């Protein structure tokens, strides 16, 4: 009984730390994009939600390419013309970092 409780507590702590690490990584990626493309607060929040959703969905799907393409379209839909020009310069490297989290 004692070992079962220890096991459950260990699993819970591991999942909590894993979730916190993912949240931190998402915030760092969005912060990078915000600095490079000059996002406003609404855009930042929306893109953060998109990436969090992408991470959650990617855990249960084998083919992540379609999820990534869908997320790319959503992110790009929040950007204006000037932001898209800046985004086009960094998007390949930025999405490589996003893909590394999956």
N, C-alpha and C. Protein backbone atom coordinates (compact mmCIF):
# COMPACT_ATOMS: atom_id res chain seq x y z
N UNK A 1 0.83 -1.20 0.00
CA UNK A 1 0.00 0.00 0.00
C UNK A 1 0.87 1.26 0.00
N UNK A 2 1.89 1.25 0.83
CA UNK A 2 2.78 2.40 0.92
C UNK A 2 3.47 2.66 -0.42
N UNK A 3 3.89 1.59 -1.09
CA UNK A 3 4.58 1.72 -2.37
C UNK A 3 3.64 2.21 -3.47
N UNK A 4 2.39 1.83 -3.39
CA UNK A 4 1.40 2.27 -4.36
C UNK A 4 1.20 3.78 -4.26
N UNK A 5 1.13 4.27 -3.05
CA UNK A 5 0.96 5.71 -2.85
C UNK A 5 2.18 6.46 -3.37
N UNK A 6 3.35 5.94 -3.07
CA UNK A 6 4.59 6.56 -3.55
C UNK A 6 4.63 6.57 -5.07
N UNK A 7 4.19 5.48 -5.68
CA UNK A 7 4.16 5.39 -7.14
C UNK A 7 3.22 6.44 -7.73
N UNK A 8 2.02 6.55 -7.17
CA UNK A 8 1.06 7.52 -7.68
C UNK A 8 1.55 8.96 -7.50
N UNK A 9 2.15 9.25 -6.37
CA UNK A 9 2.68 10.58 -6.13
C UNK A 9 3.82 10.87 -7.12
N UNK A 10 4.67 9.88 -7.36
CA UNK A 10 5.77 10.06 -8.31
C UNK A 10 5.26 10.33 -9.72
N UNK A 11 4.26 9.59 -10.14
CA UNK A 11 3.67 9.78 -11.46
C UNK A 11 3.05 11.17 -11.57
N UNK A 12 2.32 11.57 -10.54
CA UNK A 12 1.70 12.90 -10.54
C UNK A 12 2.74 14.00 -10.64
N UNK A 13 3.80 13.90 -9.84
CA UNK A 13 4.86 14.91 -9.87
C UNK A 13 5.56 14.96 -11.22
N UNK A 14 5.82 13.80 -11.80
CA UNK A 14 6.46 13.75 -13.12
C UNK A 14 5.60 14.45 -14.16
N UNK A 15 4.31 14.15 -14.15
CA UNK A 15 3.41 14.79 -15.12
C UNK A 15 3.31 16.29 -14.89
N UNK A 16 3.32 16.71 -13.64
CA UNK A 16 3.25 18.14 -13.33
C UNK A 16 4.49 18.86 -13.83
N UNK A 17 5.67 18.28 -13.58
CA UNK A 17 6.90 18.91 -14.04
C UNK A 17 6.98 18.92 -15.56
N UNK A 18 6.51 17.86 -16.19
CA UNK A 18 6.51 17.79 -17.65
C UNK A 18 5.61 18.88 -18.24
N UNK A 19 4.44 19.06 -17.64
CA UNK A 19 3.51 20.09 -18.11
C UNK A 19 4.09 21.48 -17.91
N UNK A 20 4.72 21.71 -16.77
CA UNK A 20 5.35 23.01 -16.52
C UNK A 20 6.47 23.29 -17.51
N UNK A 21 7.25 22.28 -17.83
CA UNK A 21 8.34 22.45 -18.80
C UNK A 21 7.78 22.78 -20.18
N UNK A 22 6.71 22.10 -20.58
CA UNK A 22 6.10 22.38 -21.87
C UNK A 22 5.54 23.80 -21.91
N UNK A 23 4.88 24.21 -20.83
CA UNK A 23 4.34 25.58 -20.77
C UNK A 23 5.46 26.60 -20.90
N UNK A 24 6.57 26.34 -20.23
CA UNK A 24 7.71 27.26 -20.30
C UNK A 24 8.25 27.33 -21.72
N UNK A 25 8.38 26.17 -22.37
CA UNK A 25 8.88 26.13 -23.75
C UNK A 25 7.95 26.87 -24.70
N UNK A 26 6.65 26.69 -24.52
CA UNK A 26 5.67 27.38 -25.37
C UNK A 26 5.80 28.89 -25.17
N UNK A 27 5.90 29.32 -23.93
CA UNK A 27 6.02 30.75 -23.65
C UNK A 27 7.30 31.33 -24.26
N UNK A 28 8.39 30.56 -24.22
CA UNK A 28 9.65 31.03 -24.81
C UNK A 28 9.53 31.16 -26.32
N UNK A 29 8.89 30.17 -26.96
CA UNK A 29 8.72 30.23 -28.41
C UNK A 29 7.85 31.42 -28.81
N UNK A 30 6.77 31.62 -28.08
CA UNK A 30 5.88 32.73 -28.40
C UNK A 30 6.58 34.06 -28.12
N UNK A 31 7.38 34.11 -27.08
CA UNK A 31 8.13 35.32 -26.77
C UNK A 31 9.10 35.65 -27.89
N UNK A 32 9.77 34.64 -28.42
CA UNK A 32 10.68 34.85 -29.55
C UNK A 32 9.93 35.41 -30.74
N UNK A 33 8.80 34.81 -31.05
CA UNK A 33 7.99 35.29 -32.17
C UNK A 33 7.50 36.71 -31.91
N UNK A 34 7.11 36.98 -30.68
CA UNK A 34 6.62 38.32 -30.33
C UNK A 34 7.70 39.37 -30.56
N UNK A 35 8.92 39.05 -30.18
CA UNK A 35 10.02 40.00 -30.35
C UNK A 35 10.38 40.21 -31.82
N UNK A 36 10.37 39.13 -32.58
CA UNK A 36 10.80 39.22 -33.99
C UNK A 36 9.74 39.84 -34.89
N UNK A 37 8.48 39.54 -34.60
CA UNK A 37 7.38 39.94 -35.48
C UNK A 37 6.57 41.10 -34.90
N UNK A 38 6.82 41.44 -33.64
CA UNK A 38 6.12 42.52 -32.95
C UNK A 38 4.62 42.21 -32.81
N UNK A 39 4.33 41.14 -32.09
CA UNK A 39 2.95 40.76 -31.84
C UNK A 39 2.34 41.63 -30.75
N UNK A 40 1.04 41.85 -30.84
CA UNK A 40 0.35 42.51 -29.73
C UNK A 40 -0.09 41.45 -28.72
N UNK A 41 -0.68 41.87 -27.61
CA UNK A 41 -1.02 40.93 -26.55
C UNK A 41 -2.09 39.91 -26.98
N UNK A 42 -3.06 40.35 -27.76
CA UNK A 42 -4.09 39.42 -28.23
C UNK A 42 -3.50 38.35 -29.15
N UNK A 43 -2.62 38.77 -30.04
CA UNK A 43 -1.97 37.82 -30.94
C UNK A 43 -1.10 36.84 -30.14
N UNK A 44 -0.39 37.36 -29.16
CA UNK A 44 0.47 36.52 -28.33
C UNK A 44 -0.34 35.45 -27.61
N UNK A 45 -1.44 35.86 -27.01
CA UNK A 45 -2.30 34.90 -26.29
C UNK A 45 -2.89 33.86 -27.24
N UNK A 46 -3.33 34.30 -28.39
CA UNK A 46 -3.93 33.38 -29.36
C UNK A 46 -2.90 32.36 -29.87
N UNK A 47 -1.70 32.82 -30.16
CA UNK A 47 -0.67 31.92 -30.67
C UNK A 47 -0.20 30.96 -29.58
N UNK A 48 -0.17 31.44 -28.36
CA UNK A 48 0.17 30.56 -27.23
C UNK A 48 -0.86 29.44 -27.10
N UNK A 49 -2.13 29.77 -27.26
CA UNK A 49 -3.20 28.76 -27.20
C UNK A 49 -3.06 27.76 -28.35
N UNK A 50 -2.72 28.25 -29.53
CA UNK A 50 -2.55 27.38 -30.69
C UNK A 50 -1.43 26.38 -30.45
N UNK A 51 -0.30 26.85 -29.93
CA UNK A 51 0.83 25.95 -29.68
C UNK A 51 0.52 24.95 -28.57
N UNK A 52 -0.16 25.39 -27.53
CA UNK A 52 -0.54 24.48 -26.45
C UNK A 52 -1.48 23.40 -26.98
N UNK A 53 -2.41 23.81 -27.80
CA UNK A 53 -3.34 22.86 -28.42
C UNK A 53 -2.59 21.87 -29.32
N UNK A 54 -1.62 22.39 -30.07
CA UNK A 54 -0.80 21.54 -30.94
C UNK A 54 -0.05 20.50 -30.12
N UNK A 55 0.55 20.90 -29.03
CA UNK A 55 1.28 19.97 -28.17
C UNK A 55 0.35 18.89 -27.61
N UNK A 56 -0.82 19.30 -27.16
CA UNK A 56 -1.76 18.34 -26.60
C UNK A 56 -2.26 17.35 -27.64
N UNK A 57 -2.60 17.85 -28.82
CA UNK A 57 -3.09 16.96 -29.88
C UNK A 57 -2.00 16.03 -30.40
N UNK A 58 -0.76 16.50 -30.42
CA UNK A 58 0.32 15.71 -31.00
C UNK A 58 0.65 14.47 -30.19
N UNK A 59 0.24 14.44 -28.93
CA UNK A 59 0.50 13.27 -28.08
C UNK A 59 -0.30 12.05 -28.53
N UNK A 60 -1.44 12.29 -29.17
CA UNK A 60 -2.31 11.18 -29.53
C UNK A 60 -2.36 10.89 -31.03
N UNK A 61 -1.50 11.55 -31.81
CA UNK A 61 -1.52 11.39 -33.26
C UNK A 61 -0.14 10.97 -33.76
N UNK A 62 -0.13 10.03 -34.70
CA UNK A 62 1.14 9.58 -35.26
C UNK A 62 1.67 10.56 -36.32
N UNK A 63 0.78 11.01 -37.21
CA UNK A 63 1.19 11.92 -38.27
C UNK A 63 1.02 13.36 -37.78
N UNK A 64 2.12 13.96 -37.40
CA UNK A 64 2.08 15.30 -36.84
C UNK A 64 2.13 16.39 -37.92
N UNK A 65 2.47 16.02 -39.14
CA UNK A 65 2.61 17.01 -40.22
C UNK A 65 1.32 17.77 -40.48
N UNK A 66 0.20 17.06 -40.49
CA UNK A 66 -1.07 17.74 -40.74
C UNK A 66 -1.42 18.68 -39.59
N UNK A 67 -1.11 18.28 -38.37
CA UNK A 67 -1.35 19.16 -37.23
C UNK A 67 -0.48 20.41 -37.31
N UNK A 68 0.77 20.24 -37.70
CA UNK A 68 1.69 21.37 -37.80
C UNK A 68 1.22 22.33 -38.89
N UNK A 69 0.81 21.79 -40.03
CA UNK A 69 0.34 22.65 -41.12
C UNK A 69 -0.91 23.43 -40.71
N UNK A 70 -1.79 22.76 -40.00
CA UNK A 70 -3.01 23.42 -39.51
C UNK A 70 -2.65 24.55 -38.53
N UNK A 71 -1.72 24.27 -37.63
CA UNK A 71 -1.29 25.27 -36.66
C UNK A 71 -0.60 26.44 -37.36
N UNK A 72 0.20 26.14 -38.39
CA UNK A 72 0.86 27.21 -39.16
C UNK A 72 -0.17 28.15 -39.77
N UNK A 73 -1.20 27.58 -40.36
CA UNK A 73 -2.25 28.41 -40.98
C UNK A 73 -2.95 29.27 -39.94
N UNK A 74 -3.20 28.70 -38.76
CA UNK A 74 -3.85 29.46 -37.70
C UNK A 74 -2.97 30.61 -37.24
N UNK A 75 -1.68 30.33 -37.03
CA UNK A 75 -0.75 31.37 -36.59
C UNK A 75 -0.69 32.48 -37.63
N UNK A 76 -0.54 32.11 -38.89
CA UNK A 76 -0.43 33.09 -39.96
C UNK A 76 -1.70 33.93 -40.10
N UNK A 77 -2.84 33.36 -39.76
CA UNK A 77 -4.10 34.10 -39.88
C UNK A 77 -4.18 35.25 -38.88
N UNK A 78 -3.38 35.22 -37.82
CA UNK A 78 -3.39 36.29 -36.82
C UNK A 78 -2.42 37.44 -37.17
N UNK A 79 -1.61 37.25 -38.19
CA UNK A 79 -0.59 38.24 -38.52
C UNK A 79 -1.07 39.18 -39.62
N UNK A 80 -0.68 40.44 -39.50
CA UNK A 80 -1.00 41.39 -40.57
C UNK A 80 0.08 41.32 -41.65
N UNK A 81 -0.06 42.14 -42.67
CA UNK A 81 0.84 42.07 -43.83
C UNK A 81 2.30 42.30 -43.45
N UNK A 82 2.58 43.33 -42.65
CA UNK A 82 3.95 43.64 -42.25
C UNK A 82 4.53 42.53 -41.37
N UNK A 83 3.71 42.01 -40.49
CA UNK A 83 4.16 40.92 -39.62
C UNK A 83 4.46 39.67 -40.43
N UNK A 84 3.66 39.41 -41.45
CA UNK A 84 3.89 38.24 -42.30
C UNK A 84 5.23 38.33 -43.02
N UNK A 85 5.62 39.53 -43.42
CA UNK A 85 6.91 39.70 -44.08
C UNK A 85 8.06 39.32 -43.14
N UNK A 86 7.98 39.76 -41.90
CA UNK A 86 8.99 39.42 -40.90
C UNK A 86 8.93 37.93 -40.55
N UNK A 87 7.71 37.42 -40.43
CA UNK A 87 7.49 36.01 -40.09
C UNK A 87 8.08 35.09 -41.16
N UNK A 88 7.94 35.46 -42.42
CA UNK A 88 8.47 34.64 -43.51
C UNK A 88 9.97 34.42 -43.39
N UNK A 89 10.67 35.40 -42.82
CA UNK A 89 12.12 35.30 -42.67
C UNK A 89 12.50 34.26 -41.61
N UNK A 90 11.73 34.19 -40.54
CA UNK A 90 12.10 33.32 -39.41
C UNK A 90 11.27 32.06 -39.28
N UNK A 91 10.24 31.91 -40.09
CA UNK A 91 9.28 30.83 -39.85
C UNK A 91 9.89 29.44 -39.91
N UNK A 92 10.82 29.17 -40.82
CA UNK A 92 11.39 27.83 -40.91
C UNK A 92 12.13 27.44 -39.63
N UNK A 93 12.96 28.34 -39.15
CA UNK A 93 13.69 28.06 -37.91
C UNK A 93 12.75 27.98 -36.71
N UNK A 94 11.77 28.86 -36.67
CA UNK A 94 10.83 28.88 -35.55
C UNK A 94 10.01 27.60 -35.51
N UNK A 95 9.54 27.13 -36.66
CA UNK A 95 8.75 25.90 -36.69
C UNK A 95 9.60 24.66 -36.42
N UNK A 96 10.88 24.72 -36.73
CA UNK A 96 11.78 23.63 -36.35
C UNK A 96 11.85 23.52 -34.83
N UNK A 97 11.88 24.66 -34.16
CA UNK A 97 11.89 24.64 -32.69
C UNK A 97 10.56 24.12 -32.14
N UNK A 98 9.46 24.50 -32.77
CA UNK A 98 8.16 24.01 -32.35
C UNK A 98 8.09 22.50 -32.54
N UNK A 99 8.53 22.03 -33.70
CA UNK A 99 8.50 20.61 -34.01
C UNK A 99 9.37 19.80 -33.04
N UNK A 100 10.45 20.39 -32.58
CA UNK A 100 11.32 19.70 -31.63
C UNK A 100 10.60 19.42 -30.30
N UNK A 101 9.60 20.23 -29.96
CA UNK A 101 8.84 20.00 -28.73
C UNK A 101 7.88 18.84 -28.86
N UNK A 102 7.51 18.52 -30.07
CA UNK A 102 6.54 17.45 -30.29
C UNK A 102 7.25 16.15 -30.12
